[in-house]
Amino acid sequence: MAHLKNHVKQHRARLDLTQEELGSRVGVRRQTILAIEKGQYVPSTLLAFKIAEELDMSVDALFDLVHDQEVRK
């Protein structure tokens, strides 16, 4: 089993963007950005690319696929 880890909150803060500002730029509500940051919602591929573009990052630098074995280490 695997899950998606992300660095959205850190990079959003680096650019001094609120969740609402980022959400507005990528076409979602603040609550969606919050859920992504907390790992409660996995964004679509399109949304992941939009977020990465707004944060001036690549998708693979912003999101990590973590396998359960890695979590236990």
C-alpha atoms as a PDB file:
ATOM      1  CA  MET A   1       0.000   0.000   0.000  1.00  0.00           C
ATOM      2  CA  ALA A   2       1.132   3.556  -0.641  1.00  0.00           C
ATOM      3  CA  HIS A   3       0.017   7.094   0.046  1.00  0.00           C
ATOM      4  CA  LEU A   4       0.802  10.524  -1.304  1.00  0.00           C
ATOM      5  CA  LYS A   5       2.878  12.910   0.786  1.00  0.00           C
ATOM      6  CA  ASN A   6       3.102  16.557  -0.219  1.00  0.00           C
ATOM      7  CA  HIS A   7       5.020  19.738   0.504  1.00  0.00           C
ATOM      8  CA  VAL A   8       2.279  22.175  -0.518  1.00  0.00           C
ATOM      9  CA  LYS A   9       2.048  23.980   2.817  1.00  0.00           C
ATOM     10  CA  GLN A  10       5.789  24.672   3.039  1.00  0.00           C
ATOM     11  CA  HIS A  11       6.051  26.000  -0.508  1.00  0.00           C
ATOM     12  CA  ARG A  12       2.814  27.980  -0.276  1.00  0.00           C
ATOM     13  CA  ALA A  13       4.209  29.671   2.855  1.00  0.00           C
ATOM     14  CA  ARG A  14       7.526  30.287   1.093  1.00  0.00           C
ATOM     15  CA  LEU A  15       5.627  32.388  -1.456  1.00  0.00           C
ATOM     16  CA  ASP A  16       3.527  34.023   1.277  1.00  0.00           C
ATOM     17  CA  LEU A  17       0.277  32.714  -0.212  1.00  0.00           C
ATOM     18  CA  THR A  18      -2.804  31.922   1.831  1.00  0.00           C
ATOM     19  CA  GLN A  19      -4.781  28.756   1.184  1.00  0.00           C
ATOM     20  CA  GLU A  20      -7.520  30.933  -0.263  1.00  0.00           C
ATOM     21  CA  GLU A  21      -5.123  32.709  -2.647  1.00  0.00           C
ATOM     22  CA  LEU A  22      -3.633  29.443  -3.888  1.00  0.00           C
ATOM     23  CA  GLY A  23      -7.081  27.905  -4.233  1.00  0.00           C
ATOM     24  CA  SER A  24      -8.302  30.876  -6.242  1.00  0.00           C
ATOM     25  CA  ARG A  25      -5.303  30.656  -8.573  1.00  0.00           C
ATOM     26  CA  VAL A  26      -5.867  26.955  -9.289  1.00  0.00           C
ATOM     27  CA  GLY A  27      -9.681  27.022  -9.323  1.00  0.00           C
ATOM     28  CA  VAL A  28     -10.583  25.300  -6.037  1.00  0.00           C
ATOM     29  CA  ARG A  29     -11.833  26.373  -2.629  1.00  0.00           C
ATOM     30  CA  ARG A  30      -9.629  27.035   0.392  1.00  0.00           C
ATOM     31  CA  GLN A  31     -10.970  23.866   2.006  1.00  0.00           C
ATOM     32  CA  THR A  32      -9.597  21.781  -0.854  1.00  0.00           C
ATOM     33  CA  ILE A  33      -6.101  23.216  -0.371  1.00  0.00           C
ATOM     34  CA  LEU A  34      -6.396  22.561   3.372  1.00  0.00           C
ATOM     35  CA  ALA A  35      -7.449  18.942   2.754  1.00  0.00           C
ATOM     36  CA  ILE A  36      -4.541  18.424   0.337  1.00  0.00           C
ATOM     37  CA  GLU A  37      -2.053  19.871   2.831  1.00  0.00           C
ATOM     38  CA  LYS A  38      -3.378  17.585   5.585  1.00  0.00           C
ATOM     39  CA  GLY A  39      -3.199  14.534   3.328  1.00  0.00           C
ATOM     40  CA  GLN A  40      -6.962  14.059   3.476  1.00  0.00           C
ATOM     41  CA  TYR A  41      -7.497  14.610  -0.238  1.00  0.00           C
ATOM     42  CA  VAL A  42      -5.452  13.413  -3.210  1.00  0.00           C
ATOM     43  CA  PRO A  43      -5.653  15.955  -6.031  1.00  0.00           C
ATOM     44  CA  SER A  44      -6.323  14.986  -9.610  1.00  0.00           C
ATOM     45  CA  THR A  45      -3.351  14.977 -11.945  1.00  0.00           C
ATOM     46  CA  LEU A  46      -4.529  18.237 -13.495  1.00  0.00           C
ATOM     47  CA  LEU A  47      -4.898  19.926 -10.109  1.00  0.00           C
ATOM     48  CA  ALA A  48      -1.487  18.657  -8.964  1.00  0.00           C
ATOM     49  CA  PHE A  49       0.093  20.202 -12.077  1.00  0.00           C
ATOM     50  CA  LYS A  50      -1.756  23.496 -11.528  1.00  0.00           C
ATOM     51  CA  ILE A  51      -0.613  23.676  -7.899  1.00  0.00           C
ATOM     52  CA  ALA A  52       2.974  22.819  -8.833  1.00  0.00           C
ATOM     53  CA  GLU A  53       2.967  25.485 -11.536  1.00  0.00           C
ATOM     54  CA  GLU A  54       1.648  28.146  -9.135  1.00  0.00           C
ATOM     55  CA  LEU A  55       4.299  27.199  -6.582  1.00  0.00           C
ATOM     56  CA  ASP A  56       7.017  27.240  -9.278  1.00  0.00           C
ATOM     57  CA  MET A  57       7.884  23.587  -8.727  1.00  0.00           C
ATOM     58  CA  SER A  58       7.706  20.289 -10.553  1.00  0.00           C
ATOM     59  CA  VAL A  59       4.980  17.845  -9.567  1.00  0.00           C
ATOM     60  CA  ASP A  60       7.496  15.209  -8.506  1.00  0.00           C
ATOM     61  CA  ALA A  61       9.257  17.713  -6.213  1.00  0.00           C
ATOM     62  CA  LEU A  62       5.954  18.733  -4.623  1.00  0.00           C
ATOM     63  CA  PHE A  63       4.381  15.280  -4.218  1.00  0.00           C
ATOM     64  CA  ASP A  64       6.007  12.033  -3.051  1.00  0.00           C
ATOM     65  CA  LEU A  65       4.606   8.527  -3.343  1.00  0.00           C
ATOM     66  CA  VAL A  66       5.408   6.848  -0.018  1.00  0.00           C
ATOM     67  CA  HIS A  67       5.123   3.083   0.367  1.00  0.00           C
ATOM     68  CA  ASP A  68       4.086   1.669   3.741  1.00  0.00           C
ATOM     69  CA  GLN A  69       7.484   0.038   4.259  1.00  0.00           C
ATOM     70  CA  GLU A  70       9.080   3.505   4.039  1.00  0.00           C
ATOM     71  CA  VAL A  71       6.673   4.904   6.630  1.00  0.00           C
ATOM     72  CA  ARG A  72       7.748   2.332   9.237  1.00  0.00           C
ATOM     73  CA  LYS A  73      11.438   3.211   8.946  1.00  0.00           C
END
